[in-house]
Amino acid sequence: MELTHYGHACVLVETAKCRLLFDPGTFADGFEAARDLDAIIITHQHADHLDVERLPALLAANPDAALVADEGSRAALDTIGQATRARIVGPGERLTFAGEAVDVVGGIHATVHPDIPEITNNAFVVADGAFYHPGDSFHVPDATIDVMGAPASGPWLKVSEAVDFVRAVEPRVAVPIHELALARPAMHYGIMTELAPAATTVTILPRAEAARV
């Protein structure tokens, strides 16, 4: 098996049988060049996992690729006219691409904050454990995992939880993914702003420059 990490949660998985691209989102770079894909798999609706602006061109360049998504992504896909092409799946389903089995597990996004509504998130086990992509979840699959995409950052994740998740899954290889939130704090700033008290203004200070607050 070979992996290509395009950044954040976007990973191309190549087995002896198929080519699967996971989570072509807004933080990833270069996935547009991927060709001969058997499936494009979206774990959930967040933009860093589903780039609605670049997805149509990727689908056009891979006309035979299946588009797989969770129920929560349906509305976003509908805005670009791709909802009818998508196969909407949920936990417990077994998919097959070019003879390779992919199991849908999990189902729920990790909690960002109790005040933010829960959304769906599918995790995927490829080839009976050859690769595991959890999306934004801490779901521990009921399978022996060889290679795991291990989330390293996010507004729903702290490093102790990342460590405990890898320990719980216990793969042979843990490949850090979902890392770009460490370099792009705007995601965290947005959540702080959204959930701040009504009397509080969240103000981002410029670097090394005085500002009146």
Protein backbone atom coordinates (compact mmCIF):
# COMPACT_ATOMS: atom_id res chain seq x y z
CA MET A 1 0.00 0.00 0.00
CA GLU A 2 1.13 3.55 -0.78
CA LEU A 3 -0.10 6.81 0.73
CA THR A 4 0.05 10.37 -0.57
CA HIS A 5 -0.73 13.06 1.98
CA TYR A 6 -1.92 16.29 0.32
CA GLY A 7 -2.13 18.06 3.66
CA HIS A 8 -4.59 18.04 6.56
CA ALA A 9 -7.12 15.19 6.19
CA CYS A 10 -6.63 14.60 2.45
CA VAL A 11 -4.95 11.25 1.82
CA LEU A 12 -4.69 9.15 -1.34
CA VAL A 13 -4.64 5.45 -0.49
CA GLU A 14 -3.35 3.08 -3.17
CA THR A 15 -3.74 -0.63 -2.59
CA ALA A 16 -2.97 -3.40 -5.05
CA LYS A 17 -6.58 -3.10 -6.25
CA CYS A 18 -7.77 0.49 -5.98
CA ARG A 19 -7.08 4.22 -5.51
CA LEU A 20 -9.13 6.01 -2.86
CA LEU A 21 -8.93 9.75 -2.16
CA PHE A 22 -10.14 10.84 1.26
CA ASP A 23 -11.32 14.33 2.26
CA PRO A 24 -10.23 16.77 -0.47
CA GLY A 25 -10.73 19.87 1.67
CA THR A 26 -9.81 23.54 1.63
CA PHE A 27 -6.55 23.15 3.57
CA ALA A 28 -5.12 20.50 1.20
CA ASP A 29 -2.95 21.26 -1.83
CA GLY A 30 -2.38 19.26 -4.99
CA PHE A 31 -5.20 16.73 -4.85
CA GLU A 32 -6.64 18.21 -8.06
CA ALA A 33 -3.97 16.32 -10.00
CA ALA A 34 -5.13 12.91 -8.73
CA ARG A 35 -6.31 10.69 -11.57
CA ASP A 36 -7.65 7.17 -12.10
CA LEU A 37 -9.46 7.27 -8.78
CA ASP A 38 -11.88 4.51 -7.88
CA ALA A 39 -13.56 6.60 -5.19
CA ILE A 40 -13.55 10.05 -3.62
CA ILE A 41 -14.61 9.67 0.00
CA ILE A 42 -15.86 12.51 2.23
CA THR A 43 -15.96 11.83 5.97
CA HIS A 44 -18.10 14.87 6.85
CA GLN A 45 -19.37 18.28 5.81
CA HIS A 46 -16.72 20.66 7.20
CA ALA A 47 -14.91 22.68 4.53
CA ASP A 48 -11.47 21.48 5.57
CA HIS A 49 -12.68 18.01 4.49
CA LEU A 50 -14.96 19.01 1.61
CA ASP A 51 -13.88 21.81 -0.74
CA VAL A 52 -17.01 22.48 -2.79
CA GLU A 53 -15.15 24.87 -5.10
CA ARG A 54 -12.50 22.38 -6.23
CA LEU A 55 -14.49 19.15 -6.00
CA PRO A 56 -16.38 19.53 -9.33
CA ALA A 57 -13.14 19.69 -11.34
CA LEU A 58 -11.78 16.68 -9.49
CA LEU A 59 -14.93 14.72 -10.27
CA ALA A 60 -14.82 15.79 -13.92
CA ALA A 61 -11.23 14.57 -14.17
CA ASN A 62 -12.25 11.23 -12.61
CA PRO A 63 -15.59 10.44 -14.28
CA ASP A 64 -15.57 6.80 -13.21
CA ALA A 65 -14.84 7.51 -9.54
CA ALA A 66 -17.57 6.89 -7.01
CA LEU A 67 -18.39 9.83 -4.74
CA VAL A 68 -19.07 8.68 -1.17
CA ALA A 69 -20.29 10.96 1.61
CA ASP A 70 -22.17 11.10 4.88
CA GLU A 71 -25.73 12.37 5.25
CA GLY A 72 -24.52 15.68 6.68
CA SER A 73 -22.60 16.48 3.49
CA ARG A 74 -25.64 16.10 1.23
CA ALA A 75 -26.66 19.78 1.40
CA ALA A 76 -23.16 21.02 0.55
CA LEU A 77 -22.94 18.63 -2.38
CA ASP A 78 -26.36 19.78 -3.57
CA THR A 79 -25.09 23.37 -3.87
CA ILE A 80 -22.67 22.21 -6.59
CA GLY A 81 -25.06 19.78 -8.24
CA GLN A 82 -23.28 16.65 -7.00
CA ALA A 83 -25.75 15.30 -4.43
CA THR A 84 -27.38 12.98 -6.95
CA ARG A 85 -24.00 11.52 -7.92
CA ALA A 86 -23.03 10.86 -4.32
CA ARG A 87 -23.59 7.60 -2.54
CA ILE A 88 -24.72 8.57 0.96
CA VAL A 89 -23.56 5.97 3.46
CA GLY A 90 -23.55 5.33 7.19
CA PRO A 91 -21.96 3.06 9.79
CA GLY A 92 -22.40 -0.66 9.24
CA GLU A 93 -22.21 -0.52 5.44
CA ARG A 94 -19.54 -2.38 3.48
CA LEU A 95 -18.51 -0.80 0.18
CA THR A 96 -16.44 -2.35 -2.61
CA PHE A 97 -14.23 -0.50 -5.07
CA ALA A 98 -12.37 -2.46 -7.74
CA GLY A 99 -12.71 -5.53 -5.54
CA GLU A 100 -11.39 -3.82 -2.38
CA ALA A 101 -13.62 -3.72 0.69
CA VAL A 102 -14.15 -0.48 2.61
CA ASP A 103 -16.16 -0.58 5.83
CA VAL A 104 -18.05 2.45 7.17
CA VAL A 105 -17.75 2.84 10.94
CA GLY A 106 -18.11 5.55 13.57
CA GLY A 107 -20.85 7.98 12.66
CA ILE A 108 -20.44 11.01 14.94
CA HIS A 109 -18.03 13.97 14.83
CA ALA A 110 -15.97 14.52 17.97
CA THR A 111 -17.34 17.24 20.25
CA VAL A 112 -15.95 20.70 19.51
CA HIS A 113 -18.01 22.34 22.30
CA PRO A 114 -21.29 21.31 23.96
CA ASP A 115 -22.98 24.40 22.48
CA ILE A 116 -22.15 23.37 18.89
CA PRO A 117 -24.67 20.90 17.44
CA GLU A 118 -23.47 17.36 16.83
CA ILE A 119 -22.95 16.35 13.20
CA THR A 120 -22.33 13.09 11.37
CA ASN A 121 -18.84 11.83 10.60
CA ASN A 122 -18.08 8.54 8.90
CA ALA A 123 -14.81 6.75 9.54
CA PHE A 124 -13.50 4.19 7.06
CA VAL A 125 -11.58 0.93 7.38
CA VAL A 126 -9.91 -0.04 4.09
CA ALA A 127 -9.14 -3.66 3.18
CA ASP A 128 -10.08 -5.15 6.56
CA GLY A 129 -7.64 -2.93 8.44
CA ALA A 130 -4.90 -2.10 5.96
CA PHE A 131 -5.73 1.61 6.45
CA TYR A 132 -8.01 3.53 8.79
CA HIS A 133 -9.26 7.10 8.25
CA PRO A 134 -11.25 8.33 11.28
CA GLY A 135 -12.25 11.73 9.91
CA ASP A 136 -12.83 14.00 12.90
CA SER A 137 -13.60 11.31 15.42
CA PHE A 138 -12.13 9.17 18.17
CA HIS A 139 -13.89 6.03 17.00
CA VAL A 140 -11.87 2.89 17.74
CA PRO A 141 -12.71 0.32 15.05
CA ASP A 142 -13.35 -3.32 15.79
CA ALA A 143 -10.45 -4.40 13.59
CA THR A 144 -6.69 -4.77 13.73
CA ILE A 145 -5.34 -1.65 12.00
CA ASP A 146 -2.07 -1.71 10.09
CA VAL A 147 -1.81 2.00 9.12
CA MET A 148 -3.84 4.75 10.74
CA GLY A 149 -4.36 8.36 9.73
CA ALA A 150 -3.93 9.91 13.18
CA PRO A 151 -5.42 13.40 13.70
CA ALA A 152 -2.83 15.72 15.24
CA SER A 153 -4.73 18.99 15.71
CA GLY A 154 -8.13 20.60 15.61
CA PRO A 155 -10.60 22.59 17.70
CA TRP A 156 -12.00 19.27 18.93
CA LEU A 157 -8.63 17.78 19.85
CA LYS A 158 -5.78 18.24 22.31
CA VAL A 159 -2.49 16.41 22.14
CA SER A 160 -3.22 14.10 25.08
CA GLU A 161 -6.37 12.94 23.27
CA ALA A 162 -4.38 12.39 20.08
CA VAL A 163 -1.95 10.20 21.99
CA ASP A 164 -4.70 8.25 23.73
CA PHE A 165 -6.50 7.68 20.41
CA VAL A 166 -3.40 6.17 18.82
CA ARG A 167 -2.88 4.03 21.92
CA ALA A 168 -6.47 2.80 21.74
CA VAL A 169 -6.29 1.86 18.04
CA GLU A 170 -2.71 0.55 18.36
CA PRO A 171 -1.79 0.51 14.64
CA ARG A 172 1.53 -0.69 13.30
CA VAL A 173 2.05 2.76 11.74
CA ALA A 174 0.40 6.04 12.75
CA VAL A 175 0.57 8.73 10.05
CA PRO A 176 -0.20 12.21 11.43
CA ILE A 177 -2.99 13.97 9.53
CA HIS A 178 -5.33 16.89 10.28
CA GLU A 179 -2.23 18.85 11.20
CA LEU A 180 -2.80 22.19 9.49
CA ALA A 181 -5.01 23.61 12.22
CA LEU A 182 -1.70 24.05 14.08
CA ALA A 183 -0.60 26.60 11.45
CA ARG A 184 -4.01 28.14 10.67
CA PRO A 185 -5.50 29.47 13.91
CA ALA A 186 -8.44 31.19 12.17
CA MET A 187 -10.56 28.06 12.73
CA HIS A 188 -10.07 28.32 16.49
CA TYR A 189 -10.54 32.11 16.48
CA GLY A 190 -13.87 31.69 14.70
CA ILE A 191 -15.17 29.27 17.30
CA MET A 192 -14.00 31.52 20.15
CA THR A 193 -15.80 34.45 18.50
CA GLU A 194 -18.99 32.49 17.91
CA LEU A 195 -19.23 31.19 21.45
CA ALA A 196 -17.94 34.22 23.38
CA PRO A 197 -20.30 35.99 25.81
CA ALA A 198 -22.45 38.71 24.26
CA ALA A 199 -20.49 41.39 26.10
CA THR A 200 -17.12 40.05 24.90
CA THR A 201 -15.38 40.97 21.66
CA VAL A 202 -12.66 38.60 20.47
CA THR A 203 -9.90 40.76 18.97
CA ILE A 204 -6.94 39.27 17.11
CA LEU A 205 -3.83 41.38 17.68
CA PRO A 206 -1.41 42.02 14.80
CA ARG A 207 2.03 40.47 15.22
CA ALA A 208 4.67 42.79 16.77
CA GLU A 209 2.49 45.84 16.26
CA ALA A 210 0.74 48.00 18.86
CA ALA A 211 -3.06 48.08 18.63
CA ARG A 212 -5.74 49.93 20.57
CA VAL A 213 -8.19 47.52 22.22
